Amino acid sequence: MSLDERIDALKAKHQALEVALEAENSRPRPDETHVAILKKRKLRIKDEIASLSRK
């Protein structure tokens, strides 16, 4: 997998997590623990994208 392909795959995962976060937050009583987990995953992916983009 090339660097660009890896970045594209990470961006797709990041977007999927954003959709999951929106879905969870649109519930009448969102699970705050699940929301926190999704946010942490999303941040880790964002950091990895930034790191790979610098190479």
Protein backbone atom coordinates (compact mmCIF):
# COMPACT_ATOMS: atom_id res chain seq x y z
CA MET A 1 0.00 0.00 0.00
CA SER A 2 1.42 3.34 -1.02
CA LEU A 3 1.53 6.32 1.28
CA ASP A 4 -1.30 8.05 -0.59
CA GLU A 5 -3.45 4.93 -0.39
CA ARG A 6 -2.80 4.69 3.36
CA ILE A 7 -3.77 8.33 3.85
CA ASP A 8 -6.93 7.85 1.76
CA ALA A 9 -7.88 4.78 3.82
CA LEU A 10 -7.35 6.72 7.05
CA LYS A 11 -9.47 9.60 5.74
CA ALA A 12 -12.26 7.13 4.95
CA LYS A 13 -12.06 5.71 8.49
CA HIS A 14 -12.06 9.24 9.90
CA GLN A 15 -15.22 10.07 7.92
CA ALA A 16 -16.90 6.84 9.04
CA LEU A 17 -16.18 7.75 12.66
CA GLU A 18 -17.65 11.20 12.07
CA VAL A 19 -20.85 9.59 10.77
CA ALA A 20 -20.95 7.26 13.78
CA LEU A 21 -20.46 10.22 16.13
CA GLU A 22 -23.28 12.15 14.48
CA ALA A 23 -25.56 9.12 14.73
CA GLU A 24 -24.76 8.59 18.40
CA ASN A 25 -25.21 12.27 19.24
CA SER A 26 -28.55 12.42 17.43
CA ARG A 27 -29.99 9.81 19.79
CA PRO A 28 -32.23 11.12 22.57
CA ARG A 29 -29.73 9.91 25.20
CA PRO A 30 -26.29 9.42 23.63
CA ASP A 31 -23.91 7.02 25.34
CA GLU A 32 -21.21 9.41 26.54
CA THR A 33 -18.68 6.60 26.98
CA HIS A 34 -19.17 5.49 23.38
CA VAL A 35 -18.95 9.08 22.17
CA ALA A 36 -15.64 9.54 24.03
CA ILE A 37 -14.24 6.33 22.51
CA LEU A 38 -15.24 7.43 19.00
CA LYS A 39 -13.67 10.86 19.53
CA LYS A 40 -10.40 9.32 20.72
CA ARG A 41 -10.26 6.99 17.71
CA LYS A 42 -11.00 9.89 15.39
CA LEU A 43 -8.23 11.99 16.97
CA ARG A 44 -5.70 9.14 16.70
CA ILE A 45 -6.51 8.77 13.00
CA LYS A 46 -6.26 12.53 12.46
CA ASP A 47 -2.84 12.54 14.13
CA GLU A 48 -1.68 9.63 11.98
CA ILE A 49 -2.89 11.38 8.81
CA ALA A 50 -0.99 14.53 9.83
CA SER A 51 2.14 12.51 10.56
CA LEU A 52 2.01 10.68 7.24
CA SER A 53 1.29 13.90 5.34
CA ARG A 54 4.54 15.39 6.59
CA LYS A 55 6.58 12.59 5.02
